[in-house]
Amino acid sequence: MIIQYFQHSSLTEINSRFAKLTDDIHNCHNNLRDSAAARKNFEGDLRKIDKWCRETEMRCATTPSLDASVELLKEQSVHYEVSRRKKQIQITWLITSSNYVSNAMGDTLKDRNFFFF
């Protein structure tokens, strides 16, 4: 009887240790899987940064030419100003038309007894 008790208690202890060890192994496995995924993402980001650095270094390594004529700079400035004005007119037109459509839709929806929250 005493031997059976000790055998039972030692089996219970072994089972509990086994359960704890399997839980620890599962936790370690999950941590390793998550760490591997994080490392893979990190390495991908690192490759992107390295590529960006190489491309940027290439562009920045060339010295800009300072021998442009004043006439060319004035022509580019005028072209830029015209382009900027056209964009500003387009933006103003889009804002005006969106306000017009919004007001028209608001009136239509009000006529149909829709509620606005």
Protein backbone atom coordinates (compact mmCIF):
# COMPACT_ATOMS: atom_id res chain seq x y z
CA MET A 1 0.00 0.00 0.00
CA ILE A 2 2.75 2.41 0.92
CA ILE A 3 4.67 1.45 -2.21
CA GLN A 4 1.59 2.09 -4.32
CA TYR A 5 1.17 5.52 -2.67
CA PHE A 6 4.77 6.47 -3.45
CA GLN A 7 4.45 5.16 -6.98
CA HIS A 8 1.23 7.12 -7.45
CA SER A 9 2.67 10.32 -5.97
CA SER A 10 5.83 10.02 -8.06
CA LEU A 11 3.75 9.36 -11.18
CA THR A 12 1.62 12.40 -10.39
CA GLU A 13 4.74 14.47 -9.88
CA ILE A 14 6.23 13.21 -13.15
CA ASN A 15 2.97 13.94 -14.99
CA SER A 16 2.82 17.48 -13.60
CA ARG A 17 6.46 18.10 -14.52
CA PHE A 18 5.80 16.68 -17.99
CA ALA A 19 2.77 18.97 -18.42
CA LYS A 20 4.80 21.99 -17.25
CA LEU A 21 7.66 21.13 -19.60
CA THR A 22 5.33 20.70 -22.59
CA ASP A 23 3.74 24.08 -21.78
CA ASP A 24 7.21 25.62 -21.61
CA ILE A 25 8.15 24.01 -24.92
CA HIS A 26 4.97 25.33 -26.57
CA ASN A 27 5.65 28.82 -25.20
CA CYS A 28 9.25 28.69 -26.47
CA HIS A 29 8.05 27.44 -29.86
CA ASN A 30 5.53 30.29 -30.12
CA ASN A 31 8.16 32.84 -29.08
CA LEU A 32 10.62 31.48 -31.63
CA ARG A 33 7.99 31.53 -34.39
CA ASP A 34 7.06 35.14 -33.55
CA SER A 35 10.72 36.13 -33.34
CA ALA A 36 11.45 34.52 -36.70
CA ALA A 37 8.59 36.43 -38.33
CA ALA A 38 9.75 39.68 -36.71
CA ARG A 39 13.31 39.05 -37.86
CA LYS A 40 12.12 38.36 -41.41
CA ASN A 41 10.22 41.67 -41.43
CA PHE A 42 13.25 43.45 -39.97
CA GLU A 43 15.56 41.99 -42.62
CA GLY A 44 13.13 43.06 -45.36
CA ASP A 45 13.03 46.58 -43.95
CA LEU A 46 16.80 46.61 -43.68
CA ARG A 47 17.13 45.61 -47.37
CA LYS A 48 14.74 48.43 -48.32
CA ILE A 49 16.74 50.94 -46.29
CA ASP A 50 20.02 49.74 -47.82
CA LYS A 51 18.54 50.05 -51.31
CA TRP A 52 17.25 53.55 -50.52
CA CYS A 53 20.67 54.57 -49.15
CA ARG A 54 22.44 53.32 -52.28
CA GLU A 55 19.98 55.11 -54.56
CA THR A 56 20.14 58.32 -52.55
CA GLU A 57 23.91 58.24 -52.41
CA MET A 58 23.98 57.86 -56.18
CA ARG A 59 21.76 60.88 -56.68
CA CYS A 60 23.48 63.00 -54.06
CA ALA A 61 26.99 62.05 -55.12
CA THR A 62 26.72 63.96 -58.39
CA THR A 63 27.58 67.61 -58.04
CA PRO A 64 24.95 69.96 -59.40
CA SER A 65 25.92 72.09 -62.34
CA LEU A 66 26.08 75.77 -61.57
CA ASP A 67 26.70 76.98 -65.08
CA ALA A 68 23.04 77.49 -66.07
CA SER A 69 22.35 80.72 -67.89
CA VAL A 70 20.18 83.42 -66.35
CA GLU A 71 17.83 83.25 -69.34
CA LEU A 72 17.25 79.54 -68.81
CA LEU A 73 16.55 80.08 -65.10
CA LYS A 74 14.07 82.87 -65.92
CA GLU A 75 12.33 80.67 -68.49
CA GLN A 76 12.03 77.82 -65.99
CA SER A 77 10.74 80.22 -63.35
CA VAL A 78 8.02 81.52 -65.71
CA HIS A 79 7.06 77.96 -66.66
CA TYR A 80 6.86 76.98 -62.98
CA GLU A 81 4.72 80.04 -62.15
CA VAL A 82 2.28 79.31 -65.02
CA SER A 83 2.04 75.69 -63.94
CA ARG A 84 1.43 76.72 -60.33
CA ARG A 85 -1.35 79.13 -61.37
CA LYS A 86 -3.04 76.44 -63.48
CA LYS A 87 -2.99 74.05 -60.56
CA GLN A 88 -4.40 76.71 -58.25
CA ILE A 89 -7.24 77.40 -60.72
CA GLN A 90 -7.97 73.66 -60.96
CA ILE A 91 -8.05 73.34 -57.17
CA THR A 92 -10.37 76.33 -56.84
CA TRP A 93 -12.65 74.92 -59.54
CA LEU A 94 -12.78 71.51 -57.81
CA ILE A 95 -13.61 73.09 -54.46
CA THR A 96 -16.33 75.26 -56.01
CA SER A 97 -17.89 72.36 -57.92
CA SER A 98 -17.77 70.06 -54.90
CA ASN A 99 -19.50 72.73 -52.81
CA TYR A 100 -22.11 73.16 -55.55
CA VAL A 101 -22.75 69.41 -55.76
CA SER A 102 -22.82 69.11 -51.99
CA ASN A 103 -25.36 71.92 -51.70
CA ALA A 104 -27.47 70.48 -54.53
CA MET A 105 -27.43 67.02 -52.97
CA GLY A 106 -28.24 68.49 -49.58
CA ASP A 107 -31.29 70.29 -50.99
CA THR A 108 -32.44 67.14 -52.80
CA LEU A 109 -32.10 65.03 -49.70
CA LYS A 110 -33.90 67.64 -47.60
CA ASP A 111 -36.80 67.60 -50.10
CA ARG A 112 -37.08 63.84 -49.64
CA ASN A 113 -37.27 64.19 -45.84
CA PHE A 114 -33.91 62.58 -45.10
CA PHE A 115 -32.41 63.41 -41.75
CA PHE A 116 -28.81 64.45 -41.27
CA PHE A 117 -27.01 63.43 -38.11
